[in-house]
Amino acid sequence: MSSPDASQHSADPHTAEQILAMDAYLERTVVQPDEHFARIRQAADEADMPAIEVSSAQGKLLHLLARISGARRVLEVGTLAGFSTLWLARGVGEQGTVTTCEFEPRHAEVARRNLDAAGVGDRVEILLGPAEDSLTSLRQQQVEPFDLIFLDADKASMDRYLELSLELSRPGTVIVGDNVVRGGSVLTDQDDPDSAGIRRFLSALGEDPRTEATAIQTVGAKPWDGFSLAVVNQVPGR
C-alpha cells in the first residue's frame, strides 16, 4: 500500500520525517500488529482499494476501547478491507459480534476473505448497501442496542449516521467518529460537503444532551486529522 506523503504533515520536511518515524516506532514497540493486518493492507492494495484505513495505532485504540468498555456488540459504519473491523472483532472476543456496513460489493468481498483468513469471520456480519439504509433497517428490526459504534464512512452523512446510531444505542454506549479534522479543512473549506458533514456532526455531539463528547487532533502515519469520542447519556424509551 502506498506510503504516506511526508509533505502532508508539515512544511518542514525534517519535522514530517520525525512524525512518520515516531509513528513507526510506536507501532513497532507498543502496538505490535501481527501479520494479519499486513495481509489486509496487501489485499486492499492488490484490489486497488483506497489507502484510507485507520493506522495501526488508531486500530489498536478501537480494540482497547472495546475491551475497556466491555463491549460485546459493536457496530461499524465503513468496512473497506476490514482493517479496523479485525481490531474490533478481536476486541469483543469470541463471545462478541461486530456488525459492519459497507457500500461497495467489491470491498465487502475483500473484507470477508480477510476476516475469515484472520479467524474472526464467524463473529462479523457485513451489511451491504448504503449505510443509512442498513442502519435504518437495524432500527426497524429493533435489534439489541450496540455497546460501541465506530463511524468511518462518507463524512457528508456523519450527522445522519450519528442520529441513527443514537437510536441503536443504550446509556453507556461508546461512539467513535473518525476523520473529524481532515487537515484543518473542517475550519477552512466551507464548500466541501465532507467538511460540512463533519461540522454538523461535531455540533450535534456538543449540543445533544444525549451525548457527552470530546474530539482530539492527531498526527502520524495518517496526516493531520483527529477523532471524536462520545458516551451516550440517555436514550428515550430505554
Protein backbone atom coordinates (compact mmCIF):
# COMPACT_ATOMS: atom_id res chain seq x y z
CA MET A 1 0.00 0.00 0.00
CA SER A 2 1.26 3.46 -0.79
CA SER A 3 3.33 5.20 1.85
CA PRO A 4 2.04 8.40 3.48
CA ASP A 5 3.22 11.62 1.86
CA ALA A 6 5.52 13.37 4.33
CA SER A 7 4.74 16.75 2.75
CA GLN A 8 1.19 16.47 4.04
CA HIS A 9 2.36 16.76 7.63
CA SER A 10 4.34 19.99 7.64
CA ALA A 11 6.24 22.46 5.50
CA ASP A 12 9.35 21.38 7.40
CA PRO A 13 10.45 18.00 5.92
CA HIS A 14 12.54 17.20 9.00
CA THR A 15 9.51 17.57 11.25
CA ALA A 16 7.42 15.47 8.86
CA GLU A 17 10.02 12.74 8.75
CA GLN A 18 10.25 12.73 12.54
CA ILE A 19 6.46 12.37 12.83
CA LEU A 20 6.46 9.41 10.46
CA ALA A 21 9.44 7.82 12.18
CA MET A 22 7.86 8.25 15.59
CA ASP A 23 4.62 6.70 14.42
CA ALA A 24 6.53 3.73 13.00
CA TYR A 25 8.46 3.40 16.28
CA LEU A 26 5.26 3.38 18.35
CA GLU A 27 3.70 0.81 16.03
CA ARG A 28 6.76 -1.40 16.29
CA THR A 29 7.27 -1.14 20.05
CA VAL A 30 3.79 -0.70 21.53
CA VAL A 31 1.05 -1.51 19.03
CA GLN A 32 2.71 -4.60 17.54
CA PRO A 33 0.14 -5.58 14.87
CA ASP A 34 0.54 -9.16 13.69
CA GLU A 35 0.86 -10.43 10.13
CA HIS A 36 -2.90 -10.48 9.50
CA PHE A 37 -3.03 -6.68 9.43
CA ALA A 38 -0.19 -6.54 6.89
CA ARG A 39 -2.06 -9.08 4.77
CA ILE A 40 -5.21 -6.98 4.88
CA ARG A 41 -3.31 -3.95 3.65
CA GLN A 42 -1.68 -6.05 0.92
CA ALA A 43 -5.06 -7.44 -0.16
CA ALA A 44 -6.50 -3.93 -0.27
CA ASP A 45 -3.59 -2.74 -2.38
CA GLU A 46 -3.95 -5.68 -4.77
CA ALA A 47 -7.66 -4.91 -5.11
CA ASP A 48 -6.79 -1.27 -5.92
CA MET A 49 -8.75 -0.02 -2.93
CA PRO A 50 -8.08 3.46 -1.48
CA ALA A 51 -5.46 3.58 1.30
CA ILE A 52 -7.77 5.28 3.79
CA GLU A 53 -7.98 2.70 6.57
CA VAL A 54 -7.12 3.70 10.12
CA SER A 55 -3.50 3.49 11.22
CA SER A 56 -2.38 0.57 13.35
CA ALA A 57 -2.22 2.81 16.42
CA GLN A 58 -5.78 4.01 15.83
CA GLY A 59 -6.95 0.45 15.23
CA LYS A 60 -5.39 -0.67 18.49
CA LEU A 61 -7.17 2.20 20.23
CA LEU A 62 -10.50 0.88 18.93
CA HIS A 63 -9.54 -2.58 20.16
CA LEU A 64 -8.74 -1.23 23.62
CA LEU A 65 -11.92 0.86 23.78
CA ALA A 66 -13.92 -2.28 23.06
CA ARG A 67 -12.13 -4.11 25.84
CA ILE A 68 -12.25 -1.24 28.34
CA SER A 69 -15.99 -0.74 27.78
CA GLY A 70 -16.66 -4.47 27.92
CA ALA A 71 -18.32 -4.26 24.50
CA ARG A 72 -19.87 -7.44 23.15
CA ARG A 73 -21.92 -5.86 20.36
CA VAL A 74 -20.09 -3.47 18.03
CA LEU A 75 -21.45 -1.53 15.05
CA GLU A 76 -19.07 -0.19 12.41
CA VAL A 77 -20.04 2.13 9.57
CA GLY A 78 -17.46 1.76 6.80
CA THR A 79 -15.74 -1.63 6.38
CA LEU A 80 -13.30 -1.10 3.49
CA ALA A 81 -10.92 -4.11 3.55
CA GLY A 82 -11.66 -5.00 7.17
CA PHE A 83 -8.61 -3.48 8.88
CA SER A 84 -10.46 -1.70 11.70
CA THR A 85 -13.06 -4.48 11.68
CA LEU A 86 -10.39 -7.00 12.67
CA TRP A 87 -9.20 -4.82 15.55
CA LEU A 88 -12.79 -4.51 16.78
CA ALA A 89 -13.57 -8.20 16.31
CA ARG A 90 -10.58 -9.11 18.45
CA GLY A 91 -11.66 -6.51 21.00
CA VAL A 92 -15.09 -8.09 21.54
CA GLY A 93 -13.63 -11.57 21.89
CA GLU A 94 -15.06 -14.93 20.86
CA GLN A 95 -18.41 -14.26 22.55
CA GLY A 96 -18.88 -10.87 20.85
CA THR A 97 -20.12 -9.75 17.45
CA VAL A 98 -19.34 -6.94 15.01
CA THR A 99 -21.92 -5.68 12.53
CA THR A 100 -20.23 -3.62 9.82
CA CYS A 101 -21.81 -1.61 6.98
CA GLU A 102 -20.17 -1.42 3.53
CA PHE A 103 -21.49 0.26 0.39
CA GLU A 104 -19.14 -1.28 -2.20
CA PRO A 105 -19.70 -5.00 -3.01
CA ARG A 106 -16.05 -5.46 -4.00
CA HIS A 107 -14.86 -4.01 -0.70
CA ALA A 108 -17.21 -6.32 1.19
CA GLU A 109 -15.86 -9.35 -0.69
CA VAL A 110 -12.26 -8.44 0.11
CA ALA A 111 -13.13 -7.77 3.74
CA ARG A 112 -14.95 -11.10 4.08
CA ARG A 113 -11.92 -13.01 2.79
CA ASN A 114 -9.58 -11.06 5.07
CA LEU A 115 -11.70 -11.56 8.19
CA ASP A 116 -12.21 -15.26 7.51
CA ALA A 117 -8.47 -15.70 6.99
CA ALA A 118 -7.79 -13.92 10.30
CA GLY A 119 -10.09 -16.35 12.13
CA VAL A 120 -12.81 -13.87 13.15
CA GLY A 121 -15.24 -14.27 10.29
CA ASP A 122 -17.78 -16.09 12.43
CA ARG A 123 -18.24 -13.05 14.67
CA VAL A 124 -18.56 -10.44 11.88
CA GLU A 125 -21.69 -9.67 9.86
CA ILE A 126 -21.22 -7.43 6.80
CA LEU A 127 -24.31 -5.46 5.74
CA LEU A 128 -24.06 -4.48 2.07
CA GLY A 129 -25.61 -1.27 0.75
CA PRO A 130 -25.92 2.41 1.69
CA ALA A 131 -25.10 2.80 5.37
CA GLU A 132 -28.20 4.88 6.07
CA ASP A 133 -30.38 2.07 4.70
CA SER A 134 -28.55 -0.55 6.77
CA LEU A 135 -28.83 1.49 9.96
CA THR A 136 -32.49 2.22 9.31
CA SER A 137 -33.14 -1.48 8.78
CA LEU A 138 -31.42 -2.35 12.06
CA ARG A 139 -33.57 0.21 13.84
CA GLN A 140 -36.74 -1.18 12.26
CA GLN A 141 -35.74 -4.68 13.35
CA GLN A 142 -35.44 -3.32 16.91
CA VAL A 143 -32.11 -5.10 17.36
CA GLU A 144 -30.42 -5.22 20.74
CA PRO A 145 -28.52 -1.95 21.41
CA PHE A 146 -24.85 -1.80 20.50
CA ASP A 147 -22.15 -1.26 23.10
CA LEU A 148 -19.64 0.52 20.82
CA ILE A 149 -20.17 2.24 17.48
CA PHE A 150 -17.41 3.33 15.07
CA LEU A 151 -18.36 5.83 12.35
CA ASP A 152 -15.92 5.87 9.43
CA ALA A 153 -17.91 6.11 6.19
CA ASP A 154 -18.66 9.11 3.95
CA LYS A 155 -18.25 12.25 6.01
CA ALA A 156 -21.04 14.22 4.36
CA SER A 157 -23.54 11.95 6.12
CA MET A 158 -21.84 11.75 9.52
CA ASP A 159 -24.54 13.72 11.31
CA ARG A 160 -27.22 11.39 9.93
CA TYR A 161 -25.19 8.33 10.96
CA LEU A 162 -24.91 9.80 14.45
CA GLU A 163 -28.66 10.27 14.77
CA LEU A 164 -29.35 6.70 13.65
CA SER A 165 -26.56 5.40 15.89
CA LEU A 166 -28.14 7.06 18.92
CA GLU A 167 -31.34 5.17 18.15
CA LEU A 168 -29.31 1.95 18.17
CA SER A 169 -27.59 2.77 21.47
CA ARG A 170 -28.15 2.44 25.20
CA PRO A 171 -26.93 4.59 28.08
CA GLY A 172 -23.19 3.95 28.22
CA THR A 173 -22.72 3.15 24.53
CA VAL A 174 -19.38 4.48 23.22
CA ILE A 175 -19.44 6.27 19.83
CA VAL A 176 -16.18 7.00 17.97
CA GLY A 177 -16.08 9.23 14.89
CA ASP A 178 -13.07 9.23 12.55
CA ASN A 179 -11.53 11.96 10.35
CA VAL A 180 -13.02 14.91 12.21
CA VAL A 181 -10.17 17.36 11.46
CA ARG A 182 -9.29 16.49 7.84
CA GLY A 183 -6.10 18.52 7.69
CA GLY A 184 -7.91 21.55 9.07
CA SER A 185 -10.39 21.67 6.18
CA VAL A 186 -13.27 21.43 8.66
CA LEU A 187 -12.43 25.05 9.53
CA THR A 188 -11.17 26.34 6.20
CA ASP A 189 -13.27 24.69 3.48
CA GLN A 190 -16.81 25.99 3.57
CA ASP A 191 -17.82 24.42 0.23
CA ASP A 192 -16.67 20.83 0.81
CA PRO A 193 -19.66 18.54 1.60
CA ASP A 194 -17.48 16.24 3.73
CA SER A 195 -16.17 19.09 5.87
CA ALA A 196 -19.70 20.44 6.22
CA GLY A 197 -20.89 17.00 7.32
CA ILE A 198 -18.19 16.84 9.98
CA ARG A 199 -19.12 20.31 11.26
CA ARG A 200 -22.74 19.23 11.63
CA PHE A 201 -21.62 16.02 13.31
CA LEU A 202 -19.38 17.80 15.83
CA SER A 203 -22.04 20.39 16.58
CA ALA A 204 -24.55 17.63 17.23
CA LEU A 205 -22.14 15.84 19.57
CA GLY A 206 -21.61 19.01 21.55
CA GLU A 207 -25.22 20.17 21.67
CA ASP A 208 -27.18 16.94 22.03
CA PRO A 209 -27.97 16.23 25.71
CA ARG A 210 -27.89 12.52 24.91
CA THR A 211 -24.11 12.57 24.48
CA GLU A 212 -21.01 13.63 26.41
CA ALA A 213 -18.12 14.00 23.98
CA THR A 214 -14.64 15.22 23.15
CA ALA A 215 -12.58 15.47 19.95
CA ILE A 216 -8.80 15.19 19.62
CA GLN A 217 -6.38 16.18 16.86
CA THR A 218 -3.80 13.62 15.77
CA VAL A 219 -0.67 13.38 13.64
CA GLY A 220 1.22 10.31 12.49
CA ALA A 221 1.26 7.91 9.55
CA LYS A 222 -2.19 9.33 8.88
CA PRO A 223 -1.60 13.06 8.29
CA TRP A 224 -3.13 15.81 10.42
CA ASP A 225 -6.56 14.59 11.42
CA GLY A 226 -8.48 13.61 14.53
CA PHE A 227 -11.26 11.58 16.10
CA SER A 228 -14.23 12.16 18.37
CA LEU A 229 -15.13 10.09 21.40
CA ALA A 230 -18.57 10.15 22.99
CA VAL A 231 -20.60 8.25 25.55
CA VAL A 232 -24.37 8.09 25.39
CA ASN A 233 -26.06 9.58 28.45
CA GLN A 234 -29.62 8.64 27.75
CA VAL A 235 -31.81 7.20 25.02
CA PRO A 236 -35.55 7.98 25.04
CA GLY A 237 -37.55 4.87 25.85
CA ARG A 238 -34.56 2.94 27.22
